[in-house]
Every structure is written in C-alpha cells, then in structure tokens.
Amino acid sequence: MNKTIYCTIAAANYLPRIQVLRDSLRKQGHTDFRVLLIEHPALVKQIQRQLPDYQFYSPDQVGCPQWLQMAFYYNVMEFSTALKPSFIRLFLKEANVVYLDPDIEVFSPLTEIEEQLQTHDLVVTPHISRPIPDDGKNPRLLDIIRLGQFNLGFIGVRSDPEQEKLMNWWQEVLIEGASANPQLGTFTDQSWAAILVSFARRTHILRSARYNLAYWNIGLHSLTWDGIGVPQTEDGPLGFYHYSGLDRYHVTTLSKHQTREKTTPGSPLYLLLTQYLNALDASPLQSFTKKPYSFASYFDGRPIPAEHRALFARLPAVNRKLVVNPFAEPAYFDGLQRRSSPIAFGDYAHQYVVAQQRLRQLEHRINSLPYSLFSNAELVMKKLAPGSWARAYHLMQRTSQVLRPRVAQLRQLLR
C-alpha cells in the first residue's frame, strides 16, 4: 500500500489554521504533513527556523518558473490555488498526495480516502450531491456551477506517472487561468475541476456527508454532537469539516459566503464552529495573523495597486517575461498605467450583477405575497420597501449605459 503525504498551501497569517489542521491530522495518525507558504523565500526560511517541527516549502521550490510573475498578478487566494498542481506534483514520485485547505479540521481517520487512492487516480468531493431549492438564497445552483462542480479544498492524487503529467497540464493552465471572477464564470483552480476529472482515467467521487462538510452542503446533511467525542453525520463519524468563510463575529451566519443556513447557540454545528475558533485563539502561532503578506507590496514598501496587477496580467506572456522581477519595478507600472486607456468597467459590471441579484430577490418577494394584496398597490409597495425596485432598475439602466461605450472603446483598442 502506497504511503500518503498530506499537504496544504497558505500565507503566513494562516499559520494558526495550519497548526489546527496539522494537529488534527496527527491525532488521527496522519503524520506526514507538508506546507507551501506563499511568501517570499527569505521569509519562509526565517519561519522554518522559528518552527523546525514543520516542513515548509517556498514558491521557488515547487518547480514553476513563472512563480514570481504569478505572485504579482494574482491575489493571495488566486496565487495559493495556482501553485497547487506543482506542489502536489512535487511529492508524487514518493507517495499518494492528499491536499487539504488550511481552514479544514480532521475528526476521524481518513482511511477510506487512502484506500480509494490505491485504485483511483483522483479522489474528489462535489459541492453538492443533490439539488438545492431555488429560493433566492445564496449560494444558488448557478453560483455553485460558477464556483466549480467540485470543491478543490480537498483533492487526493495517486502516485503515478500519468498523474504527474496531469498535474503538469493543470499547472500550465493555471499560470494564467486561476483568476477569481465568478460573474464571468471563472473561480481559481476550481474552474478546471470538471475537465481535470474527465482527463483522469479513474476518479472516485466521495458523496458521503463525512467528507468536506461545509456551508455549501450542510443543509443537505445532518450533524449531531454534544462537544464530546467525534461529531456524527448520517453516514458515520465526521471525517473533516471545512470552515470556509467562518466569521468569528457572526458565528450564527455560518459563513460570510452564504445566506442559506443559520446555526443557533448550543446546536451541534454552533459547538463545532466555536470550538474551532477557540482552538485558533489558543494557538501559540496567533502572532502570525498580523504578519503582512510578502507580495502585497513592492520591494520598496509601497503597496501594489490593483490596477498594476491587472495591467501586468493583461500583458502578453512574452512581454511579461521581460519584466524579470515586477516587485522591483514600480516606476515601470506607473508609466504603464499612464499610457493605458482607463477602461475601468469592472466596477460597473459588478454593480450590474448586484442590481440583477436585487431584482431576483425582489421578484421572489413579490411572488411570495398573497394574491389579495395586489388589489391595493400602495399596500404592496409598503410590503416591498418603497423605492427598492426603482433604485435597482435605475442602477441596471445606468450601468448598462456606461458599459456599452466602454466595451466599444475596448474593441477599438484591440483592433
């Protein structure tokens, strides 16, 4: 039976989460755990000296030559996911690899996953395993489709030359294809998940409630726990929970990414979330949460504007290669920004999407009103909060009027 290496990727400010993940894996007998810190190599070496009990890797060690350019044009989340294939590939010659996001906690042995990797090339979990209601709450089914069919906060990859080739392909597409823009149908490495699964000859899809329980699927499953022992699902003991979007100041909302579910104090889920937050607070690595991200600034300390990152991303790859170290070139990007036509329609596009969401919510509220109310228009408008429809409709009109000429301007420049 091939051995299994567990790994994760994060910036240094996530070290308390990494510790909770590592300790939970060790408790279940999974001791080979490795971490890619997406920070400047010099800082990673410094942290390794401070924490010799961890196995840290820096971006320059994963075999992706474009890592420095990627660190510049990707944000921290995009960069983390963009290097995932290279980091997994690094260990495939010696073992099967299980990647887990840093905001995961393991509660029981992951034996089933390790066994499936003996006969399957990939092991993945879908975001949802059955339909969710179309009730105006988030995430909607369309949101799930945009985020990706599978949640790649977890993925198991078998040690095999074919999977090394698959990781090579995945890394190539993520060099430029890991941006997060769900409105345009892209969301980091997950945009490629369905294709990745179709390329593997043997994929095992874990649909059990035990694995990757999170805000996107908790409403489809049951969870029981009294704070003692192992939490239980309808399929058996909880394997691992994914605390994506957990906000310590709004625990009852479950996650900042959703409006579909709520939890109440004293419930099994509330106990689970609060014990995780308590574990983070008790971490001896808590001071790292204030550590600034290495790649948030130029080497002279000046914060990198989002416009500079976007400009660099839009450059042809051959031009980007000429900028050996973008973090040392603030003057170059200042000049590039001055020479560029200000076609900043991204904000308007976002407002347009927000307006559409408001209209959908309003439509749902209209449909839920008793039919008898519609004989009294004034009463209906009071029920719907006066002016909400007018404001949303005006916003859609305004953003569409702004977008149209700016898109035409962009087309003219690209000719």
Protein backbone atom coordinates (compact mmCIF):
# COMPACT_ATOMS: atom_id res chain seq x y z
CA MET A 1 0.00 0.00 0.00
CA ASN A 2 1.43 3.36 -1.07
CA LYS A 3 2.03 5.83 1.74
CA THR A 4 0.15 9.15 1.80
CA ILE A 5 1.51 12.66 2.16
CA TYR A 6 -0.88 15.37 3.37
CA CYS A 7 -0.27 18.98 2.38
CA THR A 8 -1.74 22.48 2.38
CA ILE A 9 -0.99 25.95 0.98
CA ALA A 10 -1.39 29.32 2.71
CA ALA A 11 0.22 32.63 3.57
CA ALA A 12 1.93 33.10 6.93
CA ASN A 13 -1.09 34.81 8.52
CA TYR A 14 -2.90 31.44 8.29
CA LEU A 15 -0.36 29.63 10.47
CA PRO A 16 -2.80 29.16 13.39
CA ARG A 17 -5.19 27.41 10.98
CA ILE A 18 -2.32 25.34 9.62
CA GLN A 19 -1.47 24.28 13.17
CA VAL A 20 -5.06 23.17 13.89
CA LEU A 21 -5.11 21.19 10.64
CA ARG A 22 -1.72 19.59 11.34
CA ASP A 23 -2.62 18.67 14.93
CA SER A 24 -5.96 17.19 13.85
CA LEU A 25 -4.20 15.06 11.20
CA ARG A 26 -1.60 13.86 13.71
CA LYS A 27 -4.34 12.92 16.15
CA GLN A 28 -5.71 10.52 13.51
CA GLY A 29 -2.29 9.04 12.72
CA HIS A 30 -1.56 11.08 9.58
CA THR A 31 1.87 12.45 10.44
CA ASP A 32 3.48 13.29 7.08
CA PHE A 33 2.30 16.86 6.59
CA ARG A 34 3.89 19.50 4.37
CA VAL A 35 3.14 23.18 3.87
CA LEU A 36 3.70 25.56 0.97
CA LEU A 37 3.96 29.06 2.42
CA ILE A 38 3.25 31.54 -0.36
CA GLU A 39 5.62 34.13 0.99
CA HIS A 40 8.99 35.48 -0.07
CA PRO A 41 11.58 32.64 0.13
CA ALA A 42 13.66 34.57 2.67
CA LEU A 43 10.65 34.86 5.00
CA VAL A 44 9.85 31.15 4.59
CA LYS A 45 13.41 30.28 5.65
CA GLN A 46 13.06 32.54 8.67
CA ILE A 47 9.76 30.92 9.70
CA GLN A 48 11.27 27.46 9.18
CA ARG A 49 14.00 28.33 11.69
CA GLN A 50 11.34 29.54 14.13
CA LEU A 51 9.16 26.42 13.65
CA PRO A 52 11.50 23.48 12.99
CA ASP A 53 8.71 20.98 13.71
CA TYR A 54 7.03 21.87 10.38
CA GLN A 55 8.07 21.03 6.81
CA PHE A 56 7.76 24.33 4.94
CA TYR A 57 8.31 24.97 1.23
CA SER A 58 8.54 28.31 -0.56
CA PRO A 59 7.16 29.18 -4.04
CA ASP A 60 10.59 28.95 -5.67
CA GLN A 61 10.87 25.26 -4.65
CA VAL A 62 7.82 23.81 -6.42
CA GLY A 63 9.13 23.75 -9.98
CA CYS A 64 7.02 26.53 -11.51
CA PRO A 65 9.38 29.00 -13.23
CA GLN A 66 6.70 31.71 -13.52
CA TRP A 67 6.01 31.82 -9.78
CA LEU A 68 7.32 35.37 -9.24
CA GLN A 69 5.22 36.85 -12.05
CA MET A 70 2.20 34.91 -10.79
CA ALA A 71 2.72 36.28 -7.27
CA PHE A 72 2.44 39.75 -8.77
CA TYR A 73 -0.64 39.46 -10.98
CA TYR A 74 -2.60 37.09 -8.71
CA ASN A 75 -4.04 37.97 -5.31
CA VAL A 76 -3.22 35.77 -2.33
CA MET A 77 -6.13 33.35 -2.85
CA GLU A 78 -5.53 33.01 -6.58
CA PHE A 79 -1.79 32.51 -6.09
CA SER A 80 -2.40 29.81 -3.46
CA THR A 81 -4.61 27.81 -5.79
CA ALA A 82 -2.45 28.46 -8.85
CA LEU A 83 0.55 26.62 -7.36
CA LYS A 84 -1.47 23.65 -6.10
CA PRO A 85 -0.65 21.33 -9.04
CA SER A 86 3.09 22.00 -8.75
CA PHE A 87 3.07 21.41 -5.01
CA ILE A 88 1.17 18.12 -5.37
CA ARG A 89 3.43 17.04 -8.24
CA LEU A 90 6.49 17.60 -6.04
CA PHE A 91 5.66 14.51 -3.95
CA LEU A 92 4.00 12.14 -6.42
CA LYS A 93 7.17 10.14 -7.04
CA GLU A 94 7.30 9.10 -3.39
CA ALA A 95 3.66 8.82 -2.30
CA ASN A 96 -0.01 9.44 -2.92
CA VAL A 97 -0.91 13.03 -2.07
CA VAL A 98 -3.94 14.45 -0.27
CA TYR A 99 -4.33 18.22 -0.40
CA LEU A 100 -6.49 19.94 2.25
CA ASP A 101 -7.26 23.65 2.53
CA PRO A 102 -5.77 25.23 5.66
CA ASP A 103 -9.20 26.04 7.13
CA ILE A 104 -10.08 22.35 7.49
CA GLU A 105 -10.13 20.25 10.65
CA VAL A 106 -9.96 16.44 10.65
CA PHE A 107 -12.07 14.48 13.16
CA SER A 108 -11.60 10.80 12.25
CA PRO A 109 -9.07 8.72 10.28
CA LEU A 110 -9.13 9.31 6.51
CA THR A 111 -8.64 5.62 5.82
CA GLU A 112 -11.32 5.48 3.14
CA ILE A 113 -9.58 8.19 1.12
CA GLU A 114 -6.21 6.45 1.40
CA GLU A 115 -7.78 3.15 0.31
CA GLN A 116 -9.51 4.73 -2.69
CA LEU A 117 -6.18 6.19 -3.83
CA GLN A 118 -4.77 2.67 -4.17
CA THR A 119 -7.10 2.04 -7.12
CA HIS A 120 -8.19 5.52 -8.32
CA ASP A 121 -6.20 8.33 -9.91
CA LEU A 122 -8.16 11.12 -8.24
CA VAL A 123 -10.48 11.38 -5.24
CA VAL A 124 -12.72 14.49 -5.09
CA THR A 125 -15.87 15.79 -3.41
CA PRO A 126 -18.71 17.65 -5.17
CA HIS A 127 -20.01 20.89 -3.70
CA ILE A 128 -23.48 19.38 -3.53
CA SER A 129 -24.77 15.86 -4.17
CA ARG A 130 -28.43 16.72 -4.74
CA PRO A 131 -30.46 19.78 -5.83
CA ILE A 132 -30.89 22.84 -3.64
CA PRO A 133 -34.10 24.93 -3.70
CA ASP A 134 -34.35 27.98 -5.93
CA ASP A 135 -35.49 30.30 -3.13
CA GLY A 136 -33.39 33.42 -3.69
CA LYS A 137 -30.84 32.45 -1.03
CA ASN A 138 -27.11 32.15 -1.63
CA PRO A 139 -25.40 30.16 -2.88
CA ARG A 140 -27.83 29.39 -5.71
CA LEU A 141 -27.33 26.48 -8.05
CA LEU A 142 -25.92 28.87 -10.65
CA ASP A 143 -23.40 30.11 -8.06
CA ILE A 144 -22.30 26.52 -7.43
CA ILE A 145 -21.85 25.99 -11.17
CA ARG A 146 -19.71 29.14 -11.37
CA LEU A 147 -17.62 28.07 -8.38
CA GLY A 148 -16.99 24.67 -9.94
CA GLN A 149 -18.66 21.28 -9.76
CA PHE A 150 -16.08 20.01 -7.27
CA ASN A 151 -14.63 21.75 -4.23
CA LEU A 152 -10.87 21.55 -4.57
CA GLY A 153 -10.25 22.49 -0.96
CA PHE A 154 -9.74 18.74 -0.93
CA ILE A 155 -8.26 16.52 -3.62
CA GLY A 156 -6.44 13.20 -3.50
CA VAL A 157 -3.97 12.29 -6.25
CA ARG A 158 -2.45 8.87 -6.82
CA SER A 159 1.32 8.38 -7.17
CA ASP A 160 1.58 7.55 -10.86
CA PRO A 161 3.46 8.92 -13.92
CA GLU A 162 0.14 9.66 -15.63
CA GLN A 163 -0.96 11.83 -12.72
CA GLU A 164 2.35 13.69 -12.86
CA LYS A 165 1.52 14.51 -16.49
CA LEU A 166 -1.98 15.56 -15.43
CA MET A 167 -0.54 17.90 -12.79
CA ASN A 168 1.81 19.32 -15.45
CA TRP A 169 -1.18 20.12 -17.67
CA TRP A 170 -3.15 21.60 -14.78
CA GLN A 171 -0.22 23.80 -13.78
CA GLU A 172 0.15 25.09 -17.34
CA VAL A 173 -3.46 26.25 -17.50
CA LEU A 174 -3.29 27.83 -14.03
CA ILE A 175 -0.32 30.01 -14.95
CA GLU A 176 -2.88 32.35 -16.48
CA GLY A 177 -6.17 30.63 -15.65
CA ALA A 178 -6.52 30.94 -11.87
CA SER A 179 -8.29 34.28 -11.61
CA ALA A 180 -11.37 34.52 -9.38
CA ASN A 181 -14.29 36.16 -11.15
CA PRO A 182 -17.43 34.07 -10.63
CA GLN A 183 -19.56 36.61 -12.54
CA LEU A 184 -17.52 35.78 -15.63
CA GLY A 185 -17.59 32.04 -14.87
CA THR A 186 -14.05 31.65 -13.50
CA PHE A 187 -13.03 30.77 -9.97
CA THR A 188 -9.39 29.87 -9.37
CA ASP A 189 -8.33 26.24 -9.88
CA GLN A 190 -11.91 25.02 -9.45
CA SER A 191 -12.85 26.34 -12.89
CA TRP A 192 -10.89 23.42 -14.31
CA ALA A 193 -12.11 20.75 -11.90
CA ALA A 194 -14.65 19.06 -14.19
CA ILE A 195 -12.14 18.86 -17.06
CA LEU A 196 -9.46 17.59 -14.69
CA VAL A 197 -11.76 14.80 -13.52
CA SER A 198 -12.68 13.88 -17.10
CA PHE A 199 -8.99 13.59 -18.02
CA ALA A 200 -8.24 11.13 -15.21
CA ARG A 201 -9.00 7.51 -16.15
CA ARG A 202 -10.30 6.51 -12.72
CA THR A 203 -11.87 9.12 -10.46
CA HIS A 204 -13.66 8.38 -7.20
CA ILE A 205 -16.29 10.94 -6.22
CA LEU A 206 -16.88 10.99 -2.45
CA ARG A 207 -20.53 11.89 -1.88
CA SER A 208 -20.54 10.92 1.79
CA ALA A 209 -21.55 13.56 4.34
CA ARG A 210 -18.40 12.62 6.26
CA TYR A 211 -16.05 14.48 3.93
CA ASN A 212 -15.77 18.20 3.18
CA LEU A 213 -18.84 19.18 5.15
CA ALA A 214 -19.17 22.96 4.80
CA TYR A 215 -21.58 25.84 4.31
CA TRP A 216 -22.39 24.79 0.74
CA ASN A 217 -23.75 21.35 1.71
CA ILE A 218 -24.54 21.43 5.45
CA GLY A 219 -28.22 21.98 4.74
CA LEU A 220 -28.36 18.68 2.85
CA HIS A 221 -26.96 16.63 5.74
CA SER A 222 -27.42 16.01 9.45
CA LEU A 223 -24.86 16.63 12.19
CA THR A 224 -25.03 15.53 15.82
CA TRP A 225 -22.51 16.35 18.54
CA ASP A 226 -22.51 17.27 22.20
CA GLY A 227 -18.95 18.59 22.26
CA ILE A 228 -17.54 15.24 23.40
CA GLY A 229 -16.07 12.57 21.13
CA VAL A 230 -16.43 12.66 17.33
CA PRO A 231 -19.24 14.57 15.57
CA GLN A 232 -21.59 12.25 13.68
CA THR A 233 -23.25 12.58 10.27
CA GLU A 234 -25.94 10.38 8.73
CA ASP A 235 -23.11 8.47 7.02
CA GLY A 236 -20.98 7.95 10.13
CA PRO A 237 -18.28 9.85 12.03
CA LEU A 238 -17.31 13.21 10.52
CA GLY A 239 -14.09 12.92 8.55
CA PHE A 240 -13.34 16.61 8.13
CA TYR A 241 -15.13 19.94 8.26
CA HIS A 242 -14.25 22.89 6.01
CA TYR A 243 -14.66 26.23 7.85
CA SER A 244 -14.74 28.31 4.67
CA GLY A 245 -15.88 31.89 5.29
CA LEU A 246 -16.34 31.47 9.05
CA ASP A 247 -16.63 34.89 10.73
CA ARG A 248 -15.87 34.88 14.46
CA TYR A 249 -18.12 37.90 14.98
CA HIS A 250 -21.11 36.33 13.21
CA VAL A 251 -20.91 32.63 14.06
CA THR A 252 -24.66 32.08 13.65
CA THR A 253 -24.44 33.04 9.97
CA LEU A 254 -22.12 30.05 9.46
CA SER A 255 -20.14 31.65 6.61
CA LYS A 256 -19.83 35.08 5.04
CA HIS A 257 -20.28 33.41 1.65
CA GLN A 258 -23.87 32.27 2.17
CA THR A 259 -27.37 33.24 3.33
CA ARG A 260 -28.96 29.81 3.04
CA GLU A 261 -28.31 28.37 6.51
CA LYS A 262 -28.10 29.66 10.08
CA THR A 263 -26.99 28.00 13.27
CA THR A 264 -28.16 28.64 16.82
CA PRO A 265 -26.15 28.74 20.06
CA GLY A 266 -25.98 25.30 21.63
CA SER A 267 -26.62 23.42 18.39
CA PRO A 268 -24.07 20.77 17.25
CA LEU A 269 -22.91 22.98 14.39
CA TYR A 270 -22.54 26.02 16.64
CA LEU A 271 -20.46 23.95 19.09
CA LEU A 272 -18.28 22.78 16.20
CA LEU A 273 -17.66 26.30 14.92
CA THR A 274 -16.94 27.80 18.33
CA GLN A 275 -14.53 25.04 19.35
CA TYR A 276 -12.58 25.74 16.14
CA LEU A 277 -12.42 29.46 16.89
CA ASN A 278 -11.29 28.67 20.44
CA ALA A 279 -8.54 26.42 19.06
CA LEU A 280 -7.34 29.26 16.81
CA ASP A 281 -7.33 31.68 19.75
CA ALA A 282 -5.30 29.21 21.81
CA SER A 283 -2.72 28.66 19.08
CA PRO A 284 0.85 29.66 20.03
CA LEU A 285 1.18 30.88 16.43
CA GLN A 286 -1.52 33.54 16.87
CA SER A 287 1.03 36.36 16.43
CA PHE A 288 1.48 35.36 12.78
CA THR A 289 -2.07 36.50 11.97
CA LYS A 290 -0.70 40.07 11.91
CA LYS A 291 2.10 39.17 9.51
CA PRO A 292 1.69 41.23 6.28
CA TYR A 293 1.60 39.30 3.02
CA SER A 294 5.07 39.36 1.39
CA PHE A 295 3.71 40.01 -2.08
CA ALA A 296 1.29 42.81 -1.15
CA SER A 297 3.97 45.49 -1.67
CA TYR A 298 6.81 46.45 -3.93
CA PHE A 299 10.25 45.80 -2.51
CA ASP A 300 10.44 49.49 -1.55
CA GLY A 301 7.44 49.00 0.74
CA ARG A 302 4.88 50.73 -1.46
CA PRO A 303 1.53 48.84 -1.64
CA ILE A 304 0.84 47.42 -5.09
CA PRO A 305 -2.33 48.96 -6.58
CA ALA A 306 -4.84 46.50 -8.00
CA GLU A 307 -4.55 48.38 -11.33
CA HIS A 308 -0.84 47.47 -11.56
CA ARG A 309 -1.61 43.79 -11.02
CA ALA A 310 -4.35 43.90 -13.66
CA LEU A 311 -2.08 45.69 -16.15
CA PHE A 312 0.62 43.06 -15.70
CA ALA A 313 -1.89 40.23 -16.13
CA ARG A 314 -3.12 41.76 -19.41
CA LEU A 315 0.37 41.96 -20.90
CA PRO A 316 1.17 39.22 -23.44
CA ALA A 317 3.19 36.41 -21.83
CA VAL A 318 6.21 37.24 -23.98
CA ASN A 319 6.16 40.81 -22.59
CA ARG A 320 5.76 39.65 -19.01
CA LYS A 321 8.90 37.54 -19.32
CA LEU A 322 10.88 40.72 -19.98
CA VAL A 323 9.94 42.01 -16.52
CA VAL A 324 12.27 39.75 -14.55
CA ASN A 325 11.13 40.98 -11.12
CA PRO A 326 7.92 43.02 -11.20
CA PHE A 327 8.18 43.75 -7.46
CA ALA A 328 11.24 45.87 -8.17
CA GLU A 329 9.59 47.93 -10.94
CA PRO A 330 7.00 50.36 -9.50
CA ALA A 331 8.10 53.11 -11.93
CA TYR A 332 7.52 50.78 -14.89
CA PHE A 333 3.93 50.11 -13.81
CA ASP A 334 3.30 53.79 -13.06
CA GLY A 335 4.29 54.56 -16.64
CA LEU A 336 2.27 51.66 -18.00
CA GLN A 337 -0.77 52.93 -16.14
CA ARG A 338 -0.34 56.47 -17.52
CA ARG A 339 -0.10 55.14 -21.08
CA SER A 340 -3.10 52.86 -20.72
CA SER A 341 -6.60 53.98 -21.61
CA PRO A 342 -8.76 53.98 -18.47
CA ILE A 343 -11.32 51.36 -19.40
CA ALA A 344 -12.32 50.58 -15.84
CA PHE A 345 -15.67 48.91 -16.45
CA GLY A 346 -15.10 46.14 -13.87
CA ASP A 347 -16.80 48.16 -11.10
CA TYR A 348 -19.78 48.87 -13.32
CA ALA A 349 -20.05 45.21 -14.24
CA HIS A 350 -20.06 44.32 -10.53
CA GLN A 351 -22.81 46.89 -9.86
CA TYR A 352 -24.82 45.41 -12.73
CA VAL A 353 -24.58 41.93 -11.19
CA VAL A 354 -25.60 43.32 -7.78
CA ALA A 355 -28.61 45.04 -9.34
CA GLN A 356 -29.66 41.79 -11.01
CA GLN A 357 -29.43 39.98 -7.67
CA ARG A 358 -31.60 42.66 -6.03
CA LEU A 359 -34.21 42.29 -8.77
CA ARG A 360 -34.26 38.50 -8.35
CA GLN A 361 -34.73 38.84 -4.59
CA LEU A 362 -37.48 41.40 -5.13
CA GLU A 363 -39.20 39.14 -7.67
CA HIS A 364 -39.11 36.29 -5.15
CA ARG A 365 -40.68 38.53 -2.51
CA ILE A 366 -43.42 39.61 -4.95
CA ASN A 367 -44.23 36.00 -5.79
CA SER A 368 -44.48 35.14 -2.08
CA LEU A 369 -47.11 37.84 -1.36
CA PRO A 370 -50.79 36.81 -1.10
CA TYR A 371 -52.65 37.46 -4.35
CA SER A 372 -55.29 39.51 -2.50
CA LEU A 373 -52.75 42.22 -1.70
CA PHE A 374 -52.34 43.18 -5.35
CA SER A 375 -55.71 44.96 -5.34
CA ASN A 376 -54.05 47.62 -3.19
CA ALA A 377 -50.91 48.91 -4.95
CA GLU A 378 -49.94 51.19 -2.06
CA LEU A 379 -50.01 48.30 0.40
CA VAL A 380 -47.89 46.18 -1.94
CA MET A 381 -45.23 48.88 -2.19
CA LYS A 382 -45.12 49.20 1.60
CA LYS A 383 -44.57 45.46 1.85
CA LEU A 384 -41.76 45.63 -0.69
CA ALA A 385 -39.94 48.62 0.86
CA PRO A 386 -40.77 51.70 -1.25
CA GLY A 387 -38.27 52.65 -3.90
CA SER A 388 -36.28 49.38 -3.89
CA TRP A 389 -37.48 48.38 -7.34
CA ALA A 390 -36.90 51.87 -8.74
CA ARG A 391 -33.37 52.02 -7.29
CA ALA A 392 -32.42 48.60 -8.66
CA TYR A 393 -33.92 49.34 -12.09
CA HIS A 394 -32.15 52.71 -12.25
CA LEU A 395 -28.82 51.07 -11.36
CA MET A 396 -29.22 48.48 -14.11
CA GLN A 397 -30.03 51.19 -16.66
CA ARG A 398 -27.08 53.35 -15.58
CA THR A 399 -24.52 50.53 -15.60
CA SER A 400 -25.65 49.23 -18.98
CA GLN A 401 -25.35 52.75 -20.45
CA VAL A 402 -21.81 53.06 -19.09
CA LEU A 403 -20.70 49.57 -20.10
CA ARG A 404 -21.81 49.81 -23.72
CA PRO A 405 -19.47 52.64 -24.85
CA ARG A 406 -16.58 51.31 -22.75
CA VAL A 407 -16.80 47.87 -24.33
CA ALA A 408 -16.88 49.54 -27.75
CA GLN A 409 -13.78 51.53 -26.76
CA LEU A 410 -12.01 48.33 -25.72
CA ARG A 411 -12.84 46.65 -29.02
CA GLN A 412 -11.47 49.65 -30.90
CA LEU A 413 -8.17 49.47 -28.99
CA LEU A 414 -7.79 45.75 -29.65
CA ARG A 415 -8.09 46.06 -33.43
